[in-house]
N, C-alpha and C. Protein backbone atom coordinates (compact mmCIF):
# COMPACT_ATOMS: atom_id res chain seq x y z
N MET A 1 30.50 -14.92 -0.72
CA MET A 1 29.25 -14.68 -0.03
C MET A 1 29.51 -14.46 1.46
N SER A 2 28.55 -13.85 2.12
CA SER A 2 28.62 -13.65 3.56
C SER A 2 27.65 -14.60 4.25
N GLN A 3 28.01 -15.00 5.44
CA GLN A 3 27.12 -15.87 6.22
C GLN A 3 26.03 -14.99 6.82
N LEU A 4 24.81 -15.12 6.33
CA LEU A 4 23.71 -14.27 6.78
C LEU A 4 23.15 -14.73 8.12
N THR A 5 23.10 -16.02 8.34
CA THR A 5 22.65 -16.54 9.63
C THR A 5 23.01 -18.02 9.72
N ALA A 6 23.02 -18.53 10.93
CA ALA A 6 23.24 -19.96 11.18
C ALA A 6 22.34 -20.39 12.32
N VAL A 7 21.61 -21.47 12.11
CA VAL A 7 20.65 -21.96 13.11
C VAL A 7 21.09 -23.34 13.58
N TYR A 8 21.16 -23.50 14.89
CA TYR A 8 21.54 -24.78 15.48
C TYR A 8 20.32 -25.40 16.15
N LEU A 9 20.11 -26.69 15.90
CA LEU A 9 19.02 -27.44 16.52
C LEU A 9 19.57 -28.69 17.19
N LYS A 10 19.08 -28.98 18.39
CA LYS A 10 19.38 -30.25 19.04
C LYS A 10 18.06 -30.99 19.18
N LEU A 11 18.01 -32.20 18.64
CA LEU A 11 16.75 -32.93 18.53
C LEU A 11 16.77 -34.22 19.35
N ASP A 12 15.62 -34.55 19.89
CA ASP A 12 15.45 -35.81 20.61
C ASP A 12 14.82 -36.82 19.67
N LEU A 13 15.54 -37.12 18.60
CA LEU A 13 15.09 -38.13 17.64
C LEU A 13 16.29 -38.60 16.85
N GLU A 14 16.11 -39.71 16.19
CA GLU A 14 17.20 -40.31 15.42
C GLU A 14 16.72 -40.51 13.99
N ILE A 15 17.45 -39.93 13.05
CA ILE A 15 17.12 -40.11 11.63
C ILE A 15 18.06 -41.18 11.07
N PRO A 16 17.52 -42.29 10.57
CA PRO A 16 18.38 -43.34 10.01
C PRO A 16 19.30 -42.78 8.92
N VAL A 17 20.44 -43.41 8.75
CA VAL A 17 21.42 -42.93 7.77
C VAL A 17 20.81 -42.83 6.38
N PHE A 18 19.98 -43.80 6.00
CA PHE A 18 19.41 -43.78 4.65
C PHE A 18 18.38 -42.67 4.47
N ASP A 19 17.91 -42.09 5.57
CA ASP A 19 16.95 -40.99 5.49
C ASP A 19 17.59 -39.62 5.65
N GLN A 20 18.88 -39.59 5.92
CA GLN A 20 19.52 -38.31 6.19
C GLN A 20 19.63 -37.42 4.95
N GLU A 21 19.92 -38.03 3.80
CA GLU A 21 20.03 -37.21 2.59
C GLU A 21 18.69 -36.61 2.19
N PRO A 22 17.58 -37.40 2.17
CA PRO A 22 16.27 -36.78 1.92
C PRO A 22 15.92 -35.71 2.94
N SER A 23 16.29 -35.96 4.21
CA SER A 23 16.01 -34.96 5.26
C SER A 23 16.82 -33.70 5.02
N ARG A 24 18.06 -33.87 4.60
CA ARG A 24 18.92 -32.71 4.30
C ARG A 24 18.33 -31.91 3.13
N ASN A 25 17.89 -32.61 2.10
CA ASN A 25 17.31 -31.92 0.95
C ASN A 25 16.02 -31.19 1.34
N TYR A 26 15.23 -31.82 2.20
CA TYR A 26 14.00 -31.20 2.67
C TYR A 26 14.29 -29.90 3.40
N LEU A 27 15.27 -29.95 4.32
CA LEU A 27 15.61 -28.75 5.09
C LEU A 27 16.20 -27.67 4.20
N GLN A 28 17.03 -28.07 3.25
CA GLN A 28 17.63 -27.08 2.34
C GLN A 28 16.56 -26.38 1.52
N ASP A 29 15.60 -27.15 1.01
CA ASP A 29 14.52 -26.55 0.21
C ASP A 29 13.64 -25.64 1.08
N LEU A 30 13.30 -26.13 2.27
CA LEU A 30 12.43 -25.37 3.16
C LEU A 30 13.08 -24.05 3.56
N VAL A 31 14.31 -24.13 4.06
CA VAL A 31 15.01 -22.93 4.50
C VAL A 31 15.32 -22.02 3.32
N GLY A 32 15.62 -22.61 2.17
CA GLY A 32 15.90 -21.80 0.99
C GLY A 32 14.71 -20.94 0.58
N GLN A 33 13.51 -21.50 0.69
CA GLN A 33 12.30 -20.72 0.38
C GLN A 33 12.13 -19.56 1.35
N PHE A 34 12.31 -19.82 2.64
CA PHE A 34 12.21 -18.76 3.64
C PHE A 34 13.27 -17.69 3.40
N ALA A 35 14.50 -18.14 3.17
CA ALA A 35 15.62 -17.20 3.03
C ALA A 35 15.45 -16.33 1.79
N SER A 36 15.00 -16.91 0.69
CA SER A 36 14.81 -16.12 -0.53
C SER A 36 13.78 -15.03 -0.33
N ALA A 37 12.72 -15.36 0.41
CA ALA A 37 11.67 -14.37 0.67
C ALA A 37 12.13 -13.30 1.64
N ILE A 38 12.86 -13.71 2.68
CA ILE A 38 13.27 -12.77 3.71
C ILE A 38 14.42 -11.87 3.24
N TYR A 39 15.43 -12.47 2.61
CA TYR A 39 16.60 -11.70 2.20
C TYR A 39 16.50 -11.19 0.77
N ARG A 40 15.45 -11.60 0.06
CA ARG A 40 15.17 -11.14 -1.31
C ARG A 40 16.35 -11.37 -2.25
N GLN A 41 16.83 -12.58 -2.23
CA GLN A 41 17.92 -12.98 -3.11
C GLN A 41 18.02 -14.50 -3.08
N ASP A 42 18.69 -15.05 -4.06
CA ASP A 42 18.98 -16.48 -4.03
C ASP A 42 20.10 -16.71 -3.03
N THR A 43 19.88 -17.61 -2.10
CA THR A 43 20.88 -17.91 -1.08
C THR A 43 21.33 -19.35 -1.21
N ASP A 44 22.48 -19.65 -0.62
CA ASP A 44 22.95 -21.02 -0.52
C ASP A 44 22.69 -21.51 0.90
N VAL A 45 22.11 -22.69 1.00
CA VAL A 45 21.78 -23.26 2.31
C VAL A 45 22.56 -24.55 2.49
N ASP A 46 23.30 -24.64 3.59
CA ASP A 46 24.07 -25.84 3.90
C ASP A 46 23.51 -26.46 5.17
N VAL A 47 23.18 -27.74 5.12
CA VAL A 47 22.64 -28.46 6.28
C VAL A 47 23.62 -29.56 6.66
N GLN A 48 24.02 -29.56 7.92
CA GLN A 48 24.96 -30.56 8.41
C GLN A 48 24.34 -31.28 9.60
N PHE A 49 24.43 -32.62 9.59
CA PHE A 49 24.01 -33.43 10.73
C PHE A 49 25.24 -33.76 11.56
N ARG A 50 25.11 -33.64 12.86
CA ARG A 50 26.20 -33.95 13.77
C ARG A 50 25.72 -34.96 14.80
N GLN A 51 26.64 -35.79 15.28
CA GLN A 51 26.29 -36.86 16.22
C GLN A 51 25.11 -37.67 15.69
N GLY A 52 25.30 -38.19 14.50
CA GLY A 52 24.19 -38.89 13.84
C GLY A 52 23.21 -37.86 13.34
N SER A 53 22.04 -37.80 13.93
CA SER A 53 21.06 -36.80 13.54
C SER A 53 20.57 -36.01 14.74
N LEU A 54 21.29 -36.09 15.86
CA LEU A 54 20.85 -35.43 17.08
C LEU A 54 21.04 -33.91 17.00
N GLU A 55 22.02 -33.48 16.23
CA GLU A 55 22.29 -32.06 16.10
C GLU A 55 22.27 -31.68 14.63
N VAL A 56 21.65 -30.55 14.35
CA VAL A 56 21.53 -30.06 12.97
C VAL A 56 22.02 -28.61 12.93
N MET A 57 22.91 -28.31 11.99
CA MET A 57 23.36 -26.94 11.78
C MET A 57 22.93 -26.50 10.39
N VAL A 58 22.19 -25.41 10.33
CA VAL A 58 21.71 -24.87 9.06
C VAL A 58 22.39 -23.52 8.85
N VAL A 59 23.17 -23.39 7.80
CA VAL A 59 23.92 -22.17 7.51
C VAL A 59 23.41 -21.57 6.20
N ILE A 60 23.11 -20.27 6.23
CA ILE A 60 22.59 -19.57 5.06
C ILE A 60 23.59 -18.49 4.65
N VAL A 61 24.02 -18.55 3.40
CA VAL A 61 24.98 -17.55 2.91
C VAL A 61 24.40 -16.83 1.71
N GLY A 62 24.76 -15.58 1.58
CA GLY A 62 24.28 -14.75 0.48
C GLY A 62 25.00 -13.42 0.51
N SER A 63 24.39 -12.40 -0.05
CA SER A 63 25.00 -11.08 -0.11
C SER A 63 24.47 -10.18 0.99
N LEU A 64 25.36 -9.72 1.86
CA LEU A 64 24.97 -8.77 2.89
C LEU A 64 24.56 -7.44 2.24
N TYR A 65 25.21 -7.10 1.15
CA TYR A 65 24.89 -5.87 0.41
C TYR A 65 23.43 -5.86 -0.03
N VAL A 66 22.97 -6.97 -0.60
CA VAL A 66 21.58 -7.05 -1.05
C VAL A 66 20.63 -7.07 0.14
N ALA A 67 20.98 -7.85 1.17
CA ALA A 67 20.10 -7.95 2.34
C ALA A 67 19.90 -6.59 3.01
N ILE A 68 20.99 -5.85 3.21
CA ILE A 68 20.89 -4.53 3.82
C ILE A 68 20.25 -3.54 2.86
N GLY A 69 20.56 -3.69 1.57
CA GLY A 69 20.02 -2.76 0.57
C GLY A 69 18.51 -2.75 0.50
N ASN A 70 17.89 -3.82 0.94
CA ASN A 70 16.42 -3.86 0.95
C ASN A 70 15.84 -2.87 1.95
N TYR A 71 16.68 -2.40 2.88
CA TYR A 71 16.19 -1.48 3.92
C TYR A 71 16.77 -0.08 3.80
N GLY A 72 17.68 0.13 2.88
CA GLY A 72 18.16 1.48 2.64
C GLY A 72 19.41 1.86 3.38
N SER A 73 19.33 2.19 4.66
CA SER A 73 20.49 2.68 5.38
C SER A 73 21.30 1.52 5.96
N PHE A 74 22.56 1.80 6.27
CA PHE A 74 23.49 0.74 6.67
C PHE A 74 23.20 0.20 8.06
N ARG A 75 23.24 1.05 9.08
CA ARG A 75 23.10 0.56 10.45
C ARG A 75 21.70 0.03 10.73
N SER A 76 20.68 0.77 10.32
CA SER A 76 19.32 0.29 10.57
C SER A 76 19.05 -0.96 9.75
N GLY A 77 19.58 -1.02 8.53
CA GLY A 77 19.43 -2.21 7.71
C GLY A 77 20.12 -3.41 8.32
N LEU A 78 21.30 -3.18 8.91
CA LEU A 78 22.03 -4.25 9.57
C LEU A 78 21.22 -4.82 10.73
N ASN A 79 20.64 -3.94 11.53
CA ASN A 79 19.80 -4.39 12.64
C ASN A 79 18.59 -5.18 12.14
N GLN A 80 18.01 -4.74 11.03
CA GLN A 80 16.83 -5.42 10.50
C GLN A 80 17.19 -6.80 9.96
N VAL A 81 18.35 -6.93 9.33
CA VAL A 81 18.79 -8.24 8.83
C VAL A 81 18.96 -9.21 9.99
N ILE A 82 19.46 -8.72 11.12
CA ILE A 82 19.61 -9.58 12.30
C ILE A 82 18.23 -9.99 12.82
N GLU A 83 17.29 -9.07 12.82
CA GLU A 83 15.93 -9.41 13.22
C GLU A 83 15.32 -10.42 12.25
N ASP A 84 15.63 -10.26 10.96
CA ASP A 84 15.12 -11.20 9.95
C ASP A 84 15.61 -12.62 10.23
N SER A 85 16.83 -12.74 10.70
CA SER A 85 17.36 -14.08 10.98
C SER A 85 16.60 -14.75 12.13
N LYS A 86 16.11 -13.93 13.07
CA LYS A 86 15.29 -14.47 14.16
C LYS A 86 13.95 -14.96 13.60
N VAL A 87 13.39 -14.19 12.67
CA VAL A 87 12.13 -14.60 12.03
C VAL A 87 12.32 -15.91 11.28
N LEU A 88 13.44 -16.03 10.57
CA LEU A 88 13.70 -17.25 9.81
C LEU A 88 13.78 -18.46 10.73
N LYS A 89 14.47 -18.32 11.86
CA LYS A 89 14.57 -19.43 12.80
C LYS A 89 13.18 -19.84 13.31
N ASP A 90 12.36 -18.85 13.63
CA ASP A 90 11.02 -19.15 14.14
C ASP A 90 10.16 -19.84 13.07
N LEU A 91 10.32 -19.40 11.82
CA LEU A 91 9.58 -20.03 10.73
C LEU A 91 10.01 -21.49 10.55
N LEU A 92 11.30 -21.74 10.67
CA LEU A 92 11.81 -23.10 10.54
C LEU A 92 11.24 -23.99 11.64
N ILE A 93 11.28 -23.54 12.88
CA ILE A 93 10.76 -24.33 13.99
C ILE A 93 9.27 -24.60 13.81
N SER A 94 8.52 -23.56 13.42
CA SER A 94 7.08 -23.71 13.22
C SER A 94 6.78 -24.74 12.13
N SER A 95 7.54 -24.69 11.04
CA SER A 95 7.32 -25.64 9.94
C SER A 95 7.65 -27.06 10.35
N LEU A 96 8.70 -27.25 11.12
CA LEU A 96 9.05 -28.58 11.58
C LEU A 96 7.93 -29.18 12.45
N ARG A 97 7.36 -28.33 13.28
CA ARG A 97 6.26 -28.82 14.14
C ARG A 97 5.04 -29.17 13.29
N LYS A 98 4.75 -28.34 12.30
CA LYS A 98 3.61 -28.63 11.43
C LYS A 98 3.81 -29.91 10.63
N ASP A 99 5.08 -30.22 10.36
CA ASP A 99 5.39 -31.42 9.57
C ASP A 99 5.55 -32.66 10.44
N GLY A 100 5.19 -32.57 11.73
CA GLY A 100 5.11 -33.76 12.55
C GLY A 100 6.15 -33.93 13.63
N ILE A 101 7.11 -33.00 13.73
CA ILE A 101 8.10 -33.11 14.80
C ILE A 101 7.54 -32.45 16.06
N ALA A 102 7.40 -33.21 17.12
CA ALA A 102 6.82 -32.70 18.35
C ALA A 102 7.70 -31.60 18.93
N GLY A 103 7.05 -30.60 19.52
CA GLY A 103 7.81 -29.53 20.13
C GLY A 103 8.77 -30.03 21.19
N SER A 104 8.38 -31.09 21.91
CA SER A 104 9.23 -31.65 22.95
C SER A 104 10.49 -32.31 22.39
N ALA A 105 10.45 -32.65 21.09
CA ALA A 105 11.61 -33.29 20.45
C ALA A 105 12.69 -32.29 20.09
N ILE A 106 12.35 -30.99 20.09
CA ILE A 106 13.34 -29.95 19.80
C ILE A 106 13.91 -29.48 21.14
N LEU A 107 15.02 -30.08 21.52
CA LEU A 107 15.59 -29.84 22.85
C LEU A 107 16.25 -28.48 22.95
N GLU A 108 16.82 -28.01 21.85
CA GLU A 108 17.52 -26.73 21.87
C GLU A 108 17.45 -26.10 20.49
N GLN A 109 17.31 -24.79 20.47
CA GLN A 109 17.29 -24.04 19.22
C GLN A 109 17.96 -22.70 19.48
N LYS A 110 18.90 -22.34 18.62
CA LYS A 110 19.55 -21.05 18.80
C LYS A 110 20.22 -20.62 17.50
N ARG A 111 20.44 -19.33 17.41
CA ARG A 111 21.16 -18.78 16.28
C ARG A 111 22.62 -18.58 16.68
N HIS A 112 23.52 -18.88 15.77
CA HIS A 112 24.92 -18.57 15.97
C HIS A 112 25.21 -17.21 15.33
N ASN A 113 26.14 -16.49 15.91
CA ASN A 113 26.51 -15.20 15.33
C ASN A 113 27.06 -15.39 13.93
N ALA A 114 26.50 -14.63 12.99
CA ALA A 114 26.93 -14.67 11.61
C ALA A 114 27.53 -13.30 11.25
N THR A 115 27.76 -13.07 9.97
CA THR A 115 28.41 -11.83 9.54
C THR A 115 27.68 -10.57 10.02
N PRO A 116 26.34 -10.48 9.92
CA PRO A 116 25.68 -9.25 10.40
C PRO A 116 25.94 -8.95 11.87
N GLU A 117 25.91 -9.99 12.73
CA GLU A 117 26.20 -9.77 14.15
C GLU A 117 27.64 -9.32 14.36
N ARG A 118 28.56 -9.91 13.58
CA ARG A 118 29.97 -9.54 13.74
C ARG A 118 30.22 -8.11 13.26
N VAL A 119 29.53 -7.71 12.19
CA VAL A 119 29.67 -6.32 11.73
C VAL A 119 29.11 -5.36 12.78
N ARG A 120 27.96 -5.68 13.35
CA ARG A 120 27.37 -4.80 14.36
C ARG A 120 28.27 -4.72 15.59
N ARG A 121 28.86 -5.84 15.99
CA ARG A 121 29.77 -5.82 17.13
C ARG A 121 31.00 -4.95 16.83
N LEU A 122 31.48 -5.03 15.59
CA LEU A 122 32.60 -4.18 15.19
C LEU A 122 32.24 -2.70 15.29
N LEU A 123 31.07 -2.33 14.80
CA LEU A 123 30.64 -0.94 14.85
C LEU A 123 30.53 -0.45 16.29
N ARG A 124 30.05 -1.31 17.16
CA ARG A 124 29.95 -0.93 18.58
C ARG A 124 31.32 -0.76 19.20
N ARG A 125 32.27 -1.61 18.80
CA ARG A 125 33.64 -1.45 19.30
C ARG A 125 34.24 -0.13 18.82
N ILE A 126 33.96 0.22 17.58
CA ILE A 126 34.46 1.49 17.05
C ILE A 126 33.83 2.67 17.79
N ASP A 127 32.53 2.59 18.03
CA ASP A 127 31.85 3.66 18.77
C ASP A 127 32.45 3.82 20.17
N ARG A 128 32.71 2.71 20.83
CA ARG A 128 33.28 2.75 22.17
C ARG A 128 34.69 3.32 22.15
N PHE A 129 35.46 2.93 21.13
CA PHE A 129 36.83 3.46 20.99
C PHE A 129 36.81 4.97 20.80
N GLU A 130 35.90 5.47 19.98
CA GLU A 130 35.84 6.91 19.74
C GLU A 130 35.41 7.67 20.99
N ARG A 131 34.52 7.09 21.79
CA ARG A 131 34.11 7.74 23.03
C ARG A 131 35.26 7.80 24.03
N GLN A 132 36.06 6.75 24.07
CA GLN A 132 37.13 6.66 25.06
C GLN A 132 38.43 7.30 24.60
N LEU A 133 38.53 7.60 23.30
CA LEU A 133 39.78 8.08 22.73
C LEU A 133 40.38 9.29 23.45
N PRO A 134 39.58 10.30 23.83
CA PRO A 134 40.18 11.46 24.50
C PRO A 134 40.89 11.12 25.81
N LYS A 135 40.54 10.00 26.43
CA LYS A 135 41.13 9.62 27.72
C LYS A 135 42.26 8.61 27.57
N LEU A 136 42.50 8.15 26.35
CA LEU A 136 43.52 7.12 26.13
C LEU A 136 44.88 7.75 25.88
N GLY A 137 45.90 7.06 26.37
CA GLY A 137 47.26 7.46 26.04
C GLY A 137 47.57 7.10 24.60
N GLU A 138 48.64 7.65 24.08
CA GLU A 138 48.99 7.43 22.66
C GLU A 138 49.23 5.95 22.36
N ASP A 139 49.97 5.27 23.21
CA ASP A 139 50.28 3.86 22.96
C ASP A 139 49.02 2.99 23.02
N GLU A 140 48.16 3.24 24.01
CA GLU A 140 46.93 2.47 24.14
C GLU A 140 46.01 2.71 22.95
N ALA A 141 45.92 3.98 22.53
CA ALA A 141 45.07 4.31 21.38
C ALA A 141 45.58 3.61 20.12
N LYS A 142 46.90 3.59 19.93
CA LYS A 142 47.48 2.94 18.77
C LYS A 142 47.22 1.44 18.80
N TYR A 143 47.36 0.84 19.99
CA TYR A 143 47.13 -0.60 20.14
C TYR A 143 45.69 -0.96 19.81
N ARG A 144 44.73 -0.19 20.34
CA ARG A 144 43.32 -0.48 20.09
C ARG A 144 42.97 -0.27 18.63
N LEU A 145 43.54 0.75 18.02
CA LEU A 145 43.28 1.00 16.60
C LEU A 145 43.79 -0.15 15.75
N GLU A 146 44.96 -0.66 16.08
CA GLU A 146 45.51 -1.80 15.33
C GLU A 146 44.61 -3.02 15.45
N ARG A 147 44.05 -3.23 16.63
CA ARG A 147 43.14 -4.36 16.83
C ARG A 147 41.86 -4.17 16.02
N LEU A 148 41.37 -2.96 15.94
CA LEU A 148 40.17 -2.70 15.14
C LEU A 148 40.45 -2.92 13.66
N LEU A 149 41.59 -2.47 13.21
CA LEU A 149 41.95 -2.68 11.80
C LEU A 149 42.05 -4.17 11.49
N LYS A 150 42.60 -4.94 12.42
CA LYS A 150 42.69 -6.39 12.22
C LYS A 150 41.31 -7.01 12.19
N ALA A 151 40.40 -6.52 13.04
CA ALA A 151 39.03 -7.04 13.06
C ALA A 151 38.32 -6.76 11.74
N VAL A 152 38.53 -5.57 11.19
CA VAL A 152 37.93 -5.23 9.89
C VAL A 152 38.47 -6.16 8.81
N GLN A 153 39.77 -6.38 8.82
CA GLN A 153 40.38 -7.25 7.82
C GLN A 153 39.85 -8.68 7.93
N GLN A 154 39.66 -9.16 9.15
CA GLN A 154 39.11 -10.51 9.34
C GLN A 154 37.68 -10.60 8.81
N LEU A 155 36.90 -9.54 9.00
CA LEU A 155 35.53 -9.54 8.48
C LEU A 155 35.52 -9.59 6.96
N THR A 156 36.37 -8.81 6.33
CA THR A 156 36.38 -8.80 4.87
C THR A 156 36.84 -10.14 4.30
N ALA A 157 37.63 -10.87 5.08
CA ALA A 157 38.13 -12.16 4.61
C ALA A 157 37.00 -13.17 4.45
N GLU A 158 35.89 -13.01 5.19
CA GLU A 158 34.79 -13.95 5.08
C GLU A 158 33.72 -13.48 4.10
N MET A 159 33.95 -12.36 3.44
CA MET A 159 33.00 -11.83 2.46
C MET A 159 33.47 -12.17 1.05
N GLU A 160 32.61 -12.82 0.29
CA GLU A 160 32.99 -13.26 -1.04
C GLU A 160 32.65 -12.23 -2.12
N PHE A 161 31.57 -11.46 -1.91
CA PHE A 161 31.18 -10.48 -2.91
C PHE A 161 31.90 -9.17 -2.69
N SER A 162 32.41 -8.58 -3.77
CA SER A 162 33.06 -7.28 -3.68
C SER A 162 32.12 -6.23 -3.11
N GLU A 163 30.84 -6.32 -3.46
CA GLU A 163 29.87 -5.32 -2.98
C GLU A 163 29.70 -5.35 -1.47
N ASP A 164 29.82 -6.54 -0.87
CA ASP A 164 29.71 -6.63 0.58
C ASP A 164 30.86 -5.88 1.25
N ILE A 165 32.08 -6.09 0.73
CA ILE A 165 33.25 -5.40 1.26
C ILE A 165 33.13 -3.91 1.01
N ASP A 166 32.72 -3.56 -0.19
CA ASP A 166 32.57 -2.17 -0.58
C ASP A 166 31.62 -1.43 0.36
N LEU A 167 30.50 -2.08 0.67
CA LEU A 167 29.50 -1.46 1.54
C LEU A 167 30.06 -1.24 2.93
N LEU A 168 30.78 -2.23 3.47
CA LEU A 168 31.37 -2.08 4.79
C LEU A 168 32.37 -0.93 4.80
N MET A 169 33.25 -0.88 3.82
CA MET A 169 34.30 0.12 3.80
C MET A 169 33.75 1.54 3.67
N THR A 170 32.74 1.70 2.86
CA THR A 170 32.21 3.04 2.65
C THR A 170 31.41 3.54 3.85
N ASN A 171 31.16 2.66 4.81
CA ASN A 171 30.44 3.06 6.02
C ASN A 171 31.36 3.09 7.24
N LEU A 172 32.67 3.02 6.99
CA LEU A 172 33.65 3.16 8.05
C LEU A 172 34.47 4.42 7.82
N ASP A 173 34.81 5.10 8.89
CA ASP A 173 35.72 6.22 8.79
C ASP A 173 37.07 5.71 8.28
N GLU A 174 37.79 6.53 7.56
CA GLU A 174 39.04 6.10 6.93
C GLU A 174 40.06 5.58 7.95
N ARG A 175 39.97 6.02 9.20
CA ARG A 175 40.91 5.55 10.22
C ARG A 175 40.78 4.05 10.46
N PHE A 176 39.60 3.51 10.20
CA PHE A 176 39.33 2.10 10.53
C PHE A 176 39.35 1.21 9.29
N ARG A 177 39.89 1.71 8.20
CA ARG A 177 39.98 0.91 6.97
C ARG A 177 41.40 0.42 6.76
N PRO A 178 41.59 -0.87 6.62
CA PRO A 178 42.92 -1.37 6.29
C PRO A 178 43.35 -0.82 4.93
N PRO A 179 44.64 -0.81 4.65
CA PRO A 179 45.08 -0.35 3.33
C PRO A 179 44.47 -1.23 2.24
N PRO A 180 44.14 -0.64 1.09
CA PRO A 180 43.47 -1.42 0.02
C PRO A 180 44.19 -2.70 -0.35
N GLU A 181 45.54 -2.69 -0.28
CA GLU A 181 46.28 -3.90 -0.68
C GLU A 181 46.06 -5.05 0.29
N ALA A 182 45.53 -4.75 1.49
CA ALA A 182 45.25 -5.81 2.46
C ALA A 182 43.91 -6.49 2.19
N ILE A 183 43.14 -5.95 1.24
CA ILE A 183 41.83 -6.51 0.90
C ILE A 183 41.83 -6.85 -0.58
N PRO A 184 42.00 -8.12 -0.95
CA PRO A 184 42.15 -8.50 -2.36
C PRO A 184 40.83 -8.45 -3.13
N MET A 185 40.33 -7.23 -3.39
CA MET A 185 39.05 -7.08 -4.07
C MET A 185 38.99 -7.72 -5.46
N PRO A 186 40.04 -7.63 -6.27
CA PRO A 186 39.93 -8.17 -7.64
C PRO A 186 39.61 -9.65 -7.70
N ARG A 187 39.91 -10.40 -6.61
CA ARG A 187 39.65 -11.85 -6.63
C ARG A 187 38.25 -12.18 -6.15
N ARG A 188 37.48 -11.17 -5.80
CA ARG A 188 36.14 -11.41 -5.28
C ARG A 188 35.11 -11.51 -6.40
N LYS A 189 33.98 -12.10 -6.07
CA LYS A 189 32.88 -12.18 -7.02
C LYS A 189 32.11 -10.87 -7.06
N VAL A 190 31.48 -10.60 -8.19
CA VAL A 190 30.68 -9.39 -8.35
C VAL A 190 29.24 -9.80 -8.59
N LEU A 191 28.31 -9.12 -7.95
CA LEU A 191 26.89 -9.44 -8.08
C LEU A 191 26.40 -9.15 -9.49
N ASP A 192 25.44 -9.96 -9.93
CA ASP A 192 24.77 -9.66 -11.19
C ASP A 192 24.01 -8.35 -11.04
N SER A 193 23.99 -7.56 -12.09
CA SER A 193 23.40 -6.23 -12.01
C SER A 193 21.91 -6.28 -11.65
N GLU A 194 21.20 -7.34 -12.04
CA GLU A 194 19.76 -7.38 -11.80
C GLU A 194 19.40 -7.60 -10.34
N VAL A 195 20.35 -8.04 -9.50
CA VAL A 195 20.03 -8.25 -8.09
C VAL A 195 20.54 -7.12 -7.22
N ARG A 196 21.15 -6.11 -7.81
CA ARG A 196 21.66 -5.00 -7.01
C ARG A 196 20.52 -4.05 -6.64
N PRO A 197 20.41 -3.67 -5.38
CA PRO A 197 19.40 -2.68 -5.00
C PRO A 197 19.87 -1.29 -5.41
N THR A 198 19.31 -0.75 -6.47
CA THR A 198 19.82 0.48 -7.06
C THR A 198 19.59 1.71 -6.20
N PHE A 199 18.75 1.61 -5.17
CA PHE A 199 18.49 2.76 -4.33
C PHE A 199 19.54 2.91 -3.23
N LEU A 200 20.48 1.98 -3.13
CA LEU A 200 21.51 2.05 -2.11
C LEU A 200 22.79 2.59 -2.73
N GLU A 201 23.19 3.77 -2.34
CA GLU A 201 24.37 4.39 -2.92
C GLU A 201 25.25 4.96 -1.81
N PRO A 202 26.19 4.18 -1.27
CA PRO A 202 27.04 4.69 -0.20
C PRO A 202 27.88 5.87 -0.68
N LYS A 203 28.15 6.80 0.24
CA LYS A 203 29.03 7.92 -0.09
C LYS A 203 30.45 7.41 -0.24
N ARG A 204 31.19 8.03 -1.14
CA ARG A 204 32.56 7.61 -1.40
C ARG A 204 33.52 8.76 -1.09
N ASP A 205 34.75 8.40 -0.76
CA ASP A 205 35.77 9.41 -0.56
C ASP A 205 37.06 8.92 -1.19
N GLU A 206 38.19 9.21 -0.54
CA GLU A 206 39.46 8.91 -1.20
C GLU A 206 39.83 7.44 -1.15
N TYR A 207 39.05 6.61 -0.47
CA TYR A 207 39.39 5.19 -0.44
C TYR A 207 39.24 4.61 -1.83
N SER A 208 40.20 3.83 -2.27
CA SER A 208 40.24 3.34 -3.65
C SER A 208 39.61 1.96 -3.76
N PHE A 209 38.62 1.84 -4.64
CA PHE A 209 38.00 0.56 -4.96
C PHE A 209 38.12 0.32 -6.45
N PRO A 210 38.21 -0.94 -6.88
CA PRO A 210 38.19 -1.23 -8.32
C PRO A 210 36.90 -0.70 -8.95
N SER A 211 36.98 -0.26 -10.18
CA SER A 211 35.83 0.38 -10.82
C SER A 211 34.65 -0.55 -10.95
N HIS A 212 34.88 -1.87 -11.06
CA HIS A 212 33.76 -2.78 -11.29
C HIS A 212 32.90 -2.96 -10.05
N THR A 213 33.37 -2.45 -8.88
CA THR A 213 32.57 -2.62 -7.67
C THR A 213 31.70 -1.41 -7.39
N LYS A 214 31.75 -0.39 -8.22
CA LYS A 214 30.93 0.80 -7.95
C LYS A 214 29.46 0.48 -8.05
N LEU A 215 28.70 1.03 -7.15
CA LEU A 215 27.27 0.77 -7.14
C LEU A 215 26.58 1.61 -8.20
N PRO A 216 25.52 1.08 -8.80
CA PRO A 216 24.83 1.84 -9.85
C PRO A 216 24.08 3.02 -9.24
N PRO A 217 23.94 4.10 -9.99
CA PRO A 217 23.20 5.27 -9.48
C PRO A 217 21.73 4.96 -9.35
N PRO A 218 21.01 5.70 -8.48
CA PRO A 218 19.55 5.48 -8.35
C PRO A 218 18.84 5.74 -9.68
N ASP A 219 17.74 5.02 -9.88
CA ASP A 219 16.97 5.24 -11.10
C ASP A 219 16.35 6.65 -11.09
């Protein structure tokens, strides 16, 4: 799975140890309902308390392929998924206030960069590299390209679904794709067919993917 978003909260309250597990279950259920509606898929929600109960980290993981597929195109869908994560954070804060936590008790609230932000940052780095390429010397261009390839490989390492990797690769120029052997696709999980957005069909070229990761044709 890919990390769709992560929300950090710093609270001016103390939750007793015996109440932390019920509180964790409450937050997991609450965020899970929001995430399922926003990302249109079953997601996994992990809630961690730090420094007792003063800090809370909520991490939501799921399929980037499904989340983006709800919007059709890759780049615009990626931007929308990032906007969705802002909506989810606001919904969480609003619900906490409605459930009795005073606004003044929420000292800090922020989103941490997750997979969608890292993919968007990668695309911007690639765009910048292509704009600057005519002015770069051969050695500098080679060095920057190697760094981009490493960044792509690091991104795929945090993606559990083959479809997430597949979607990223098919939206990158072949120059920015690591060799297939550097991405262990056969060990990845494959989405159930009923959750695949059938209207999303990335263009394919000579890059080799295992046959089981091919996206279904539009209805």
